[in-house]
Protein backbone atom coordinates (compact mmCIF):
# COMPACT_ATOMS: atom_id res chain seq x y z
CA UNK A 1 -42.33 -34.35 48.03
CA UNK A 2 -40.88 -31.30 46.30
CA UNK A 3 -40.15 -29.57 49.60
CA UNK A 4 -37.42 -31.95 50.79
CA UNK A 5 -34.66 -30.29 48.79
CA UNK A 6 -35.56 -26.84 50.14
CA UNK A 7 -35.62 -28.13 53.72
CA UNK A 8 -32.28 -29.92 53.27
CA UNK A 9 -30.75 -26.74 51.86
CA UNK A 10 -31.87 -24.77 54.92
CA UNK A 11 -30.62 -27.32 57.48
CA UNK A 12 -27.31 -27.94 55.70
CA UNK A 13 -26.86 -24.21 55.10
CA UNK A 14 -26.78 -23.21 58.76
CA UNK A 15 -24.21 -24.19 61.37
CA UNK A 16 -25.87 -26.29 64.03
CA UNK A 17 -28.94 -27.15 61.95
CA UNK A 18 -30.69 -30.28 63.23
CA UNK A 19 -33.86 -30.39 61.16
CA UNK A 20 -36.56 -28.44 59.39
CA UNK A 21 -40.20 -29.12 58.68
CA UNK A 22 -43.22 -27.66 56.96
CA UNK A 23 -46.18 -28.09 59.28
CA UNK A 24 -49.83 -27.28 59.40
CA UNK A 25 -51.26 -25.53 62.45
CA UNK A 26 -53.16 -28.77 63.03
CA UNK A 27 -49.81 -30.44 63.82
CA UNK A 28 -49.64 -32.51 60.64
CA UNK A 29 -46.27 -32.63 58.88
CA UNK A 30 -46.31 -31.69 55.22
CA UNK A 31 -42.63 -32.55 54.83
CA UNK A 32 -39.44 -32.63 56.88
CA UNK A 33 -35.70 -33.07 56.66
CA UNK A 34 -33.72 -34.28 59.67
CA UNK A 35 -30.00 -34.74 60.09
CA UNK A 36 -28.99 -38.25 61.09
CA UNK A 37 -29.42 -39.05 64.78
CA UNK A 38 -30.74 -35.73 66.11
CA UNK A 39 -30.27 -35.41 69.90
CA UNK A 40 -34.03 -35.08 70.49
CA UNK A 41 -37.34 -36.11 68.94
CA UNK A 42 -37.72 -33.26 66.45
CA UNK A 43 -40.97 -34.63 65.06
CA UNK A 44 -42.62 -34.51 68.48
CA UNK A 45 -41.10 -31.09 69.16
CA UNK A 46 -42.65 -29.66 65.98
CA UNK A 47 -46.05 -31.21 66.70
CA UNK A 48 -46.12 -29.80 70.23
CA UNK A 49 -45.01 -26.33 69.10
CA UNK A 50 -47.78 -26.35 66.49
CA UNK A 51 -50.30 -26.34 69.34
CA UNK A 52 -48.59 -23.36 70.98
CA UNK A 53 -48.29 -21.50 67.67
CA UNK A 54 -51.98 -21.89 66.99
CA UNK A 55 -52.67 -20.05 70.26
CA UNK A 56 -50.05 -17.36 69.55
CA UNK A 57 -51.55 -16.83 66.10
CA UNK A 58 -55.04 -16.54 67.59
CA UNK A 59 -53.80 -14.02 70.17
CA UNK A 60 -52.08 -11.91 67.52
CA UNK A 61 -55.32 -11.89 65.51
CA UNK A 62 -57.39 -10.84 68.55
CA UNK A 63 -54.97 -8.03 69.39
CA UNK A 64 -54.98 -6.79 65.81
CA UNK A 65 -51.22 -6.20 65.78
CA UNK A 66 -50.76 -7.47 62.23
CA UNK A 67 -49.99 -10.88 60.80
CA UNK A 68 -47.66 -13.15 62.76
CA UNK A 69 -44.37 -13.55 60.89
CA UNK A 70 -41.88 -15.31 63.16
CA UNK A 71 -41.62 -16.92 66.58
CA UNK A 72 -38.58 -18.37 68.30
CA UNK A 73 -38.06 -20.48 71.39
CA UNK A 74 -34.66 -20.90 73.06
CA UNK A 75 -34.02 -23.62 75.61
CA UNK A 76 -30.84 -24.86 77.21
CA UNK A 77 -30.53 -27.56 74.53
CA UNK A 78 -31.89 -26.00 71.34
CA UNK A 79 -33.30 -23.04 69.47
CA UNK A 80 -36.45 -23.31 67.39
CA UNK A 81 -37.29 -20.71 64.78
CA UNK A 82 -40.73 -20.67 63.19
CA UNK A 83 -41.57 -18.68 60.06
CA UNK A 84 -45.15 -18.37 58.83
CA UNK A 85 -45.70 -19.55 55.24
CA UNK A 86 -49.44 -18.86 54.97
CA UNK A 87 -52.63 -19.07 57.05
CA UNK A 88 -52.43 -22.86 57.08
CA UNK A 89 -48.73 -23.72 57.34
CA UNK A 90 -45.42 -22.70 58.86
CA UNK A 91 -41.75 -23.54 58.48
CA UNK A 92 -39.81 -24.66 61.56
CA UNK A 93 -36.04 -24.91 61.92
CA UNK A 94 -34.40 -26.55 64.93
CA UNK A 95 -30.83 -25.62 65.79
CA UNK A 96 -28.33 -26.77 68.37
CA UNK A 97 -28.15 -24.28 71.24
CA UNK A 98 -25.00 -22.69 69.76
CA UNK A 99 -26.20 -22.86 66.14
CA UNK A 100 -26.09 -19.80 63.91
CA UNK A 101 -29.43 -18.24 64.85
CA UNK A 102 -29.08 -15.19 62.58
CA UNK A 103 -28.36 -17.25 59.49
CA UNK A 104 -31.20 -19.61 60.34
CA UNK A 105 -33.64 -16.68 60.49
CA UNK A 106 -32.26 -15.35 57.20
CA UNK A 107 -32.64 -18.69 55.39
CA UNK A 108 -36.23 -19.10 56.63
CA UNK A 109 -37.11 -15.57 55.53
CA UNK A 110 -35.79 -16.36 52.04
CA UNK A 111 -37.48 -19.76 51.80
CA UNK A 112 -40.97 -18.82 53.04
CA UNK A 113 -42.17 -16.96 49.89
CA UNK A 114 -40.95 -19.77 47.61
CA UNK A 115 -42.68 -22.39 49.73
CA UNK A 116 -45.85 -20.27 49.88
CA UNK A 117 -45.91 -20.32 46.09
CA UNK A 118 -45.44 -24.10 45.96
CA UNK A 119 -48.21 -24.66 48.51
CA UNK A 120 -50.81 -22.57 46.67
């Protein structure tokens, strides 16, 4: 798929990057790039977070606070940053706990409009 190079560039461009994926809110992967031997099942992580994100997106819509742009989850083992691409898909980046969170957010913000264009 044409998205693999963009995902690889994001993961390799941030210290502590473990993997990135383009996902639908239905939990189906559009494409992904994973570093070799990630310390957790990143595919399962992304699928499970898709379920949570669908609910967050619905709540944001109900509250009328504007379109959801970004969500992050920090745990003792990792950080997950999600950037909305469009109404059907989002970009997710998983970092090691001490990964460069600011740069990860920056790279996702840059990539989302390009990926939105490719998906339309």
